[in-house]
Structures are given as C-alpha cells and as structure tokens.
PDB file of all heavy atoms in Angstrom:
ATOM      1  N   GLY A   1      69.227 140.691 158.152  1.00  0.00           N
ATOM      2  CA  GLY A   1      69.792 139.932 157.044  1.00  0.00           C
ATOM      3  C   GLY A   1      71.246 140.239 156.790  1.00  0.00           C
ATOM      4  O   GLY A   1      71.764 139.993 155.703  1.00  0.00           O
ATOM      5  N   GLU A   2      71.938 140.755 157.797  1.00  0.00           N
ATOM      6  CA  GLU A   2      73.345 141.130 157.640  1.00  0.00           C
ATOM      7  C   GLU A   2      74.291 139.954 157.798  1.00  0.00           C
ATOM      8  O   GLU A   2      75.419 140.005 157.314  1.00  0.00           O
ATOM      9  CB  GLU A   2      73.717 142.207 158.668  1.00  0.00           C
ATOM     10  CG  GLU A   2      73.008 143.523 158.440  1.00  0.00           C
ATOM     11  CD  GLU A   2      73.294 144.522 159.535  1.00  0.00           C
ATOM     12  OE1 GLU A   2      74.039 144.212 160.484  1.00  0.00           O
ATOM     13  OE2 GLU A   2      72.755 145.644 159.447  1.00  0.00           O
ATOM     14  N   ILE A   3      73.844 138.930 158.510  1.00  0.00           N
ATOM     15  CA  ILE A   3      74.682 137.746 158.707  1.00  0.00           C
ATOM     16  C   ILE A   3      73.845 136.500 158.460  1.00  0.00           C
ATOM     17  O   ILE A   3      72.624 136.520 158.573  1.00  0.00           O
ATOM     18  CB  ILE A   3      75.316 137.683 160.127  1.00  0.00           C
ATOM     19  CG1 ILE A   3      74.250 137.671 161.210  1.00  0.00           C
ATOM     20  CG2 ILE A   3      76.300 138.812 160.327  1.00  0.00           C
ATOM     21  CD1 ILE A   3      74.810 137.436 162.612  1.00  0.00           C
ATOM     22  N   PHE A   4      74.538 135.438 158.117  1.00  0.00           N
ATOM     23  CA  PHE A   4      73.875 134.157 157.907  1.00  0.00           C
ATOM     24  C   PHE A   4      73.787 133.440 159.243  1.00  0.00           C
ATOM     25  O   PHE A   4      74.772 133.344 159.968  1.00  0.00           O
ATOM     26  CB  PHE A   4      74.657 133.295 156.915  1.00  0.00           C
ATOM     27  CG  PHE A   4      74.860 133.960 155.586  1.00  0.00           C
ATOM     28  CD1 PHE A   4      76.122 134.315 155.168  1.00  0.00           C
ATOM     29  CD2 PHE A   4      73.784 134.248 154.773  1.00  0.00           C
ATOM     30  CE1 PHE A   4      76.318 134.939 153.950  1.00  0.00           C
ATOM     31  CE2 PHE A   4      73.964 134.873 153.561  1.00  0.00           C
ATOM     32  CZ  PHE A   4      75.232 135.217 153.141  1.00  0.00           C
ATOM     33  N   VAL A   5      72.625 132.962 159.557  1.00  0.00           N
ATOM     34  CA  VAL A   5      72.431 132.245 160.808  1.00  0.00           C
ATOM     35  C   VAL A   5      72.736 130.762 160.569  1.00  0.00           C
ATOM     36  O   VAL A   5      72.360 130.214 159.540  1.00  0.00           O
ATOM     37  CB  VAL A   5      71.006 132.463 161.359  1.00  0.00           C
ATOM     38  CG1 VAL A   5      69.948 131.964 160.429  1.00  0.00           C
ATOM     39  CG2 VAL A   5      70.841 131.863 162.729  1.00  0.00           C
ATOM     40  N   THR A   6      73.450 130.152 161.504  1.00  0.00           N
ATOM     41  CA  THR A   6      73.740 128.725 161.361  1.00  0.00           C
ATOM     42  C   THR A   6      72.467 127.934 161.631  1.00  0.00           C
ATOM     43  O   THR A   6      71.539 128.408 162.299  1.00  0.00           O
ATOM     44  CB  THR A   6      74.828 128.271 162.348  1.00  0.00           C
ATOM     45  OG1 THR A   6      74.334 128.434 163.682  1.00  0.00           O
ATOM     46  CG2 THR A   6      76.123 129.051 162.148  1.00  0.00           C
ATOM     47  N   TYR A   7      72.447 126.721 161.122  1.00  0.00           N
ATOM     48  CA  TYR A   7      71.269 125.867 161.326  1.00  0.00           C
ATOM     49  C   TYR A   7      70.961 125.667 162.814  1.00  0.00           C
ATOM     50  O   TYR A   7      69.808 125.844 163.217  1.00  0.00           O
ATOM     51  CB  TYR A   7      71.462 124.525 160.614  1.00  0.00           C
ATOM     52  CG  TYR A   7      70.273 123.619 160.770  1.00  0.00           C
ATOM     53  CD1 TYR A   7      69.114 123.811 160.023  1.00  0.00           C
ATOM     54  CD2 TYR A   7      70.291 122.576 161.698  1.00  0.00           C
ATOM     55  CE1 TYR A   7      68.009 123.000 160.185  1.00  0.00           C
ATOM     56  CE2 TYR A   7      69.201 121.756 161.866  1.00  0.00           C
ATOM     57  CZ  TYR A   7      68.059 121.968 161.108  1.00  0.00           C
ATOM     58  OH  TYR A   7      66.979 121.175 161.285  1.00  0.00           O
ATOM     59  N   PRO A   8      71.953 125.329 163.659  1.00  0.00           N
ATOM     60  CA  PRO A   8      71.629 125.148 165.080  1.00  0.00           C
ATOM     61  C   PRO A   8      71.042 126.412 165.721  1.00  0.00           C
ATOM     62  O   PRO A   8      70.089 126.337 166.499  1.00  0.00           O
ATOM     63  CB  PRO A   8      72.966 124.773 165.725  1.00  0.00           C
ATOM     64  CG  PRO A   8      73.761 124.184 164.619  1.00  0.00           C
ATOM     65  CD  PRO A   8      73.361 124.955 163.392  1.00  0.00           C
ATOM     66  N   LYS A   9      71.595 127.579 165.380  1.00  0.00           N
ATOM     67  CA  LYS A   9      71.065 128.821 165.944  1.00  0.00           C
ATOM     68  C   LYS A   9      69.674 129.125 165.394  1.00  0.00           C
ATOM     69  O   LYS A   9      68.802 129.616 166.109  1.00  0.00           O
ATOM     70  CB  LYS A   9      72.011 130.003 165.661  1.00  0.00           C
ATOM     71  CG  LYS A   9      73.105 130.118 166.660  1.00  0.00           C
ATOM     72  CD  LYS A   9      72.492 130.417 168.025  1.00  0.00           C
ATOM     73  CE  LYS A   9      73.418 129.950 169.119  1.00  0.00           C
ATOM     74  NZ  LYS A   9      72.772 129.826 170.417  1.00  0.00           N
ATOM     75  N   LEU A  10      69.463 128.833 164.114  1.00  0.00           N
ATOM     76  CA  LEU A  10      68.141 129.028 163.539  1.00  0.00           C
ATOM     77  C   LEU A  10      67.117 128.184 164.275  1.00  0.00           C
ATOM     78  O   LEU A  10      66.036 128.656 164.614  1.00  0.00           O
ATOM     79  CB  LEU A  10      68.143 128.690 162.039  1.00  0.00           C
ATOM     80  CG  LEU A  10      66.800 128.809 161.323  1.00  0.00           C
ATOM     81  CD1 LEU A  10      66.258 130.233 161.392  1.00  0.00           C
ATOM     82  CD2 LEU A  10      66.937 128.356 159.881  1.00  0.00           C
ATOM     83  N   MET A  11      67.474 126.941 164.561  1.00  0.00           N
ATOM     84  CA  MET A  11      66.562 126.065 165.300  1.00  0.00           C
ATOM     85  C   MET A  11      66.300 126.617 166.699  1.00  0.00           C
ATOM     86  O   MET A  11      65.160 126.594 167.175  1.00  0.00           O
ATOM     87  CB  MET A  11      67.111 124.643 165.387  1.00  0.00           C
ATOM     88  CG  MET A  11      67.146 123.898 164.059  1.00  0.00           C
ATOM     89  SD  MET A  11      65.496 123.657 163.336  1.00  0.00           S
ATOM     90  CE  MET A  11      65.438 124.976 162.137  1.00  0.00           C
ATOM     91  N   ASP A  12      67.331 127.146 167.364  1.00  0.00           N
ATOM     92  CA  ASP A  12      67.137 127.753 168.684  1.00  0.00           C
ATOM     93  C   ASP A  12      66.131 128.895 168.612  1.00  0.00           C
ATOM     94  O   ASP A  12      65.245 129.024 169.469  1.00  0.00           O
ATOM     95  CB  ASP A  12      68.461 128.293 169.238  1.00  0.00           C
ATOM     96  CG  ASP A  12      69.440 127.201 169.641  1.00  0.00           C
ATOM     97  OD1 ASP A  12      69.030 126.028 169.768  1.00  0.00           O
ATOM     98  OD2 ASP A  12      70.638 127.535 169.818  1.00  0.00           O
ATOM     99  N   ILE A  13      66.270 129.726 167.587  1.00  0.00           N
ATOM    100  CA  ILE A  13      65.364 130.872 167.413  1.00  0.00           C
ATOM    101  C   ILE A  13      63.950 130.397 167.120  1.00  0.00           C
ATOM    102  O   ILE A  13      62.979 130.860 167.728  1.00  0.00           O
ATOM    103  CB  ILE A  13      65.870 131.810 166.297  1.00  0.00           C
ATOM    104  CG1 ILE A  13      67.191 132.466 166.703  1.00  0.00           C
ATOM    105  CG2 ILE A  13      64.823 132.862 165.951  1.00  0.00           C
ATOM    106  CD1 ILE A  13      67.924 133.143 165.550  1.00  0.00           C
ATOM    107  N   LEU A  14      63.816 129.458 166.187  1.00  0.00           N
ATOM    108  CA  LEU A  14      62.484 128.981 165.805  1.00  0.00           C
ATOM    109  C   LEU A  14      61.773 128.311 166.966  1.00  0.00           C
ATOM    110  O   LEU A  14      60.574 128.516 167.172  1.00  0.00           O
ATOM    111  CB  LEU A  14      62.587 128.029 164.609  1.00  0.00           C
ATOM    112  CG  LEU A  14      63.180 128.631 163.325  1.00  0.00           C
ATOM    113  CD1 LEU A  14      63.191 127.592 162.206  1.00  0.00           C
ATOM    114  CD2 LEU A  14      62.436 129.880 162.901  1.00  0.00           C
ATOM    115  N   TYR A  15      62.497 127.514 167.741  1.00  0.00           N
ATOM    116  CA  TYR A  15      61.885 126.875 168.906  1.00  0.00           C
ATOM    117  C   TYR A  15      61.521 127.901 169.968  1.00  0.00           C
ATOM    118  O   TYR A  15      60.469 127.794 170.603  1.00  0.00           O
ATOM    119  CB  TYR A  15      62.782 125.787 169.484  1.00  0.00           C
ATOM    120  CG  TYR A  15      62.682 124.485 168.740  1.00  0.00           C
ATOM    121  CD1 TYR A  15      63.695 124.065 167.889  1.00  0.00           C
ATOM    122  CD2 TYR A  15      61.555 123.678 168.868  1.00  0.00           C
ATOM    123  CE1 TYR A  15      63.597 122.869 167.193  1.00  0.00           C
ATOM    124  CE2 TYR A  15      61.441 122.478 168.174  1.00  0.00           C
ATOM    125  CZ  TYR A  15      62.469 122.080 167.341  1.00  0.00           C
ATOM    126  OH  TYR A  15      62.364 120.916 166.654  1.00  0.00           O
ATOM    127  N   ALA A  16      62.358 128.898 170.170  1.00  0.00           N
ATOM    128  CA  ALA A  16      62.054 129.946 171.150  1.00  0.00           C
ATOM    129  C   ALA A  16      60.772 130.686 170.761  1.00  0.00           C
ATOM    130  O   ALA A  16      59.952 131.009 171.617  1.00  0.00           O
ATOM    131  CB  ALA A  16      63.220 130.928 171.266  1.00  0.00           C
ATOM    132  N   LEU A  17      60.608 130.914 169.471  1.00  0.00           N
ATOM    133  CA  LEU A  17      59.418 131.619 168.983  1.00  0.00           C
ATOM    134  C   LEU A  17      58.201 130.713 168.886  1.00  0.00           C
ATOM    135  O   LEU A  17      57.090 131.199 168.690  1.00  0.00           O
ATOM    136  CB  LEU A  17      59.681 132.197 167.591  1.00  0.00           C
ATOM    137  CG  LEU A  17      60.626 133.383 167.494  1.00  0.00           C
ATOM    138  CD1 LEU A  17      60.969 133.666 166.041  1.00  0.00           C
ATOM    139  CD2 LEU A  17      60.006 134.610 168.153  1.00  0.00           C
ATOM    140  N   ASP A  18      58.420 129.402 168.995  1.00  0.00           N
ATOM    141  CA  ASP A  18      57.356 128.423 168.748  1.00  0.00           C
ATOM    142  C   ASP A  18      56.737 128.723 167.386  1.00  0.00           C
ATOM    143  O   ASP A  18      55.528 128.832 167.222  1.00  0.00           O
ATOM    144  CB  ASP A  18      56.298 128.448 169.845  1.00  0.00           C
ATOM    145  CG  ASP A  18      55.391 127.227 169.803  1.00  0.00           C
ATOM    146  OD1 ASP A  18      55.799 126.184 169.251  1.00  0.00           O
ATOM    147  OD2 ASP A  18      54.253 127.324 170.319  1.00  0.00           O
ATOM    148  N   LEU A  19      57.637 128.909 166.406  1.00  0.00           N
ATOM    149  CA  LEU A  19      57.247 129.358 165.076  1.00  0.00           C
ATOM    150  C   LEU A  19      56.318 128.360 164.398  1.00  0.00           C
ATOM    151  O   LEU A  19      56.592 127.152 164.399  1.00  0.00           O
ATOM    152  CB  LEU A  19      58.505 129.555 164.221  1.00  0.00           C
ATOM    153  CG  LEU A  19      58.338 130.381 162.962  1.00  0.00           C
ATOM    154  CD1 LEU A  19      57.928 131.810 163.302  1.00  0.00           C
ATOM    155  CD2 LEU A  19      59.621 130.405 162.182  1.00  0.00           C
ATOM    156  N   PRO A  20      55.240 128.852 163.826  1.00  0.00           N
ATOM    157  CA  PRO A  20      54.324 127.960 163.122  1.00  0.00           C
ATOM    158  C   PRO A  20      55.031 127.245 161.973  1.00  0.00           C
ATOM    159  O   PRO A  20      55.911 127.803 161.325  1.00  0.00           O
ATOM    160  CB  PRO A  20      53.245 128.897 162.576  1.00  0.00           C
ATOM    161  CG  PRO A  20      53.382 130.163 163.327  1.00  0.00           C
ATOM    162  CD  PRO A  20      54.802 130.242 163.784  1.00  0.00           C
ATOM    163  N   GLU A  21      54.625 126.023 161.733  1.00  0.00           N
ATOM    164  CA  GLU A  21      55.224 125.224 160.666  1.00  0.00           C
ATOM    165  C   GLU A  21      55.135 125.948 159.322  1.00  0.00           C
ATOM    166  O   GLU A  21      56.055 125.882 158.514  1.00  0.00           O
ATOM    167  CB  GLU A  21      54.521 123.874 160.583  1.00  0.00           C
ATOM    168  CG  GLU A  21      55.148 122.921 159.613  1.00  0.00           C
ATOM    169  CD  GLU A  21      54.461 121.569 159.626  1.00  0.00           C
ATOM    170  OE1 GLU A  21      54.242 121.023 160.705  1.00  0.00           O
ATOM    171  OE2 GLU A  21      54.157 121.086 158.523  1.00  0.00           O
ATOM    172  N   ALA A  22      54.051 126.652 159.087  1.00  0.00           N
ATOM    173  CA  ALA A  22      53.876 127.351 157.810  1.00  0.00           C
ATOM    174  C   ALA A  22      54.975 128.392 157.596  1.00  0.00           C
ATOM    175  O   ALA A  22      55.465 128.558 156.474  1.00  0.00           O
ATOM    176  CB  ALA A  22      52.506 128.025 157.765  1.00  0.00           C
ATOM    177  N   ALA A  23      55.390 129.077 158.647  1.00  0.00           N
ATOM    178  CA  ALA A  23      56.449 130.079 158.510  1.00  0.00           C
ATOM    179  C   ALA A  23      57.784 129.409 158.198  1.00  0.00           C
ATOM    180  O   ALA A  23      58.554 129.902 157.383  1.00  0.00           O
ATOM    181  CB  ALA A  23      56.549 130.921 159.781  1.00  0.00           C
ATOM    182  N   CYS A  24      58.044 128.284 158.834  1.00  0.00           N
ATOM    183  CA  CYS A  24      59.279 127.539 158.552  1.00  0.00           C
ATOM    184  C   CYS A  24      59.281 127.058 157.102  1.00  0.00           C
ATOM    185  O   CYS A  24      60.286 127.154 156.406  1.00  0.00           O
ATOM    186  CB  CYS A  24      59.417 126.341 159.484  1.00  0.00           C
ATOM    187  SG  CYS A  24      59.571 126.768 161.222  1.00  0.00           S
ATOM    188  N   MET A  25      58.156 126.546 156.659  1.00  0.00           N
ATOM    189  CA  MET A  25      58.059 126.047 155.288  1.00  0.00           C
ATOM    190  C   MET A  25      58.200 127.182 154.285  1.00  0.00           C
ATOM    191  O   MET A  25      58.747 126.978 153.202  1.00  0.00           O
ATOM    192  CB  MET A  25      56.736 125.302 155.075  1.00  0.00           C
ATOM    193  CG  MET A  25      56.653 123.993 155.846  1.00  0.00           C
ATOM    194  SD  MET A  25      58.039 122.871 155.531  1.00  0.00           S
ATOM    195  CE  MET A  25      57.851 122.559 153.798  1.00  0.00           C
ATOM    196  N   ALA A  26      57.741 128.366 154.615  1.00  0.00           N
ATOM    197  CA  ALA A  26      57.882 129.512 153.711  1.00  0.00           C
ATOM    198  C   ALA A  26      59.357 129.823 153.470  1.00  0.00           C
ATOM    199  O   ALA A  26      59.753 130.134 152.346  1.00  0.00           O
ATOM    200  CB  ALA A  26      57.158 130.731 154.273  1.00  0.00           C
ATOM    201  N   ILE A  27      60.169 129.711 154.518  1.00  0.00           N
ATOM    202  CA  ILE A  27      61.609 129.942 154.364  1.00  0.00           C
ATOM    203  C   ILE A  27      62.194 128.894 153.422  1.00  0.00           C
ATOM    204  O   ILE A  27      62.950 129.212 152.501  1.00  0.00           O
ATOM    205  CB  ILE A  27      62.324 129.912 155.726  1.00  0.00           C
ATOM    206  CG1 ILE A  27      61.891 131.108 156.578  1.00  0.00           C
ATOM    207  CG2 ILE A  27      63.845 129.906 155.549  1.00  0.00           C
ATOM    208  CD1 ILE A  27      62.341 131.039 158.027  1.00  0.00           C
ATOM    209  N   LEU A  28      61.832 127.636 153.616  1.00  0.00           N
ATOM    210  CA  LEU A  28      62.348 126.568 152.762  1.00  0.00           C
ATOM    211  C   LEU A  28      61.871 126.709 151.318  1.00  0.00           C
ATOM    212  O   LEU A  28      62.636 126.502 150.381  1.00  0.00           O
ATOM    213  CB  LEU A  28      61.929 125.200 153.314  1.00  0.00           C
ATOM    214  CG  LEU A  28      62.545 124.827 154.657  1.00  0.00           C
ATOM    215  CD1 LEU A  28      61.934 123.524 155.162  1.00  0.00           C
ATOM    216  CD2 LEU A  28      64.050 124.715 154.556  1.00  0.00           C
ATOM    217  N   ARG A  29      60.606 127.088 151.123  1.00  0.00           N
ATOM    218  CA  ARG A  29      60.086 127.286 149.754  1.00  0.00           C
ATOM    219  C   ARG A  29      60.816 128.429 149.063  1.00  0.00           C
ATOM    220  O   ARG A  29      61.116 128.353 147.875  1.00  0.00           O
ATOM    221  CB  ARG A  29      58.584 127.535 149.788  1.00  0.00           C
ATOM    222  CG  ARG A  29      57.756 126.268 149.890  1.00  0.00           C
ATOM    223  CD  ARG A  29      56.279 126.522 149.601  1.00  0.00           C
ATOM    224  NE  ARG A  29      55.697 127.528 150.468  1.00  0.00           N
ATOM    225  CZ  ARG A  29      55.216 127.298 151.688  1.00  0.00           C
ATOM    226  NH1 ARG A  29      55.244 126.091 152.190  1.00  0.00           N
ATOM    227  NH2 ARG A  29      54.697 128.268 152.407  1.00  0.00           N
TER     228      ARG A  29
END
C-alpha cells in the first residue's frame, strides 16, 4: 500500500491473478 496503482496496471494484476469477481467488488465497495 505504499504506492497507488494505476487502473491499467490494476487490471493487468487482476487478470493475471484471474481474481474472483467478489474480490474486485470488495475493493469497489
């Protein structure tokens, strides 16, 4: 949490992890 991740990089990370939708929604909530 030392730096803010840009949206494009966040998407790269989430897709690489095949992150469950629930985890993505938790960040947004």
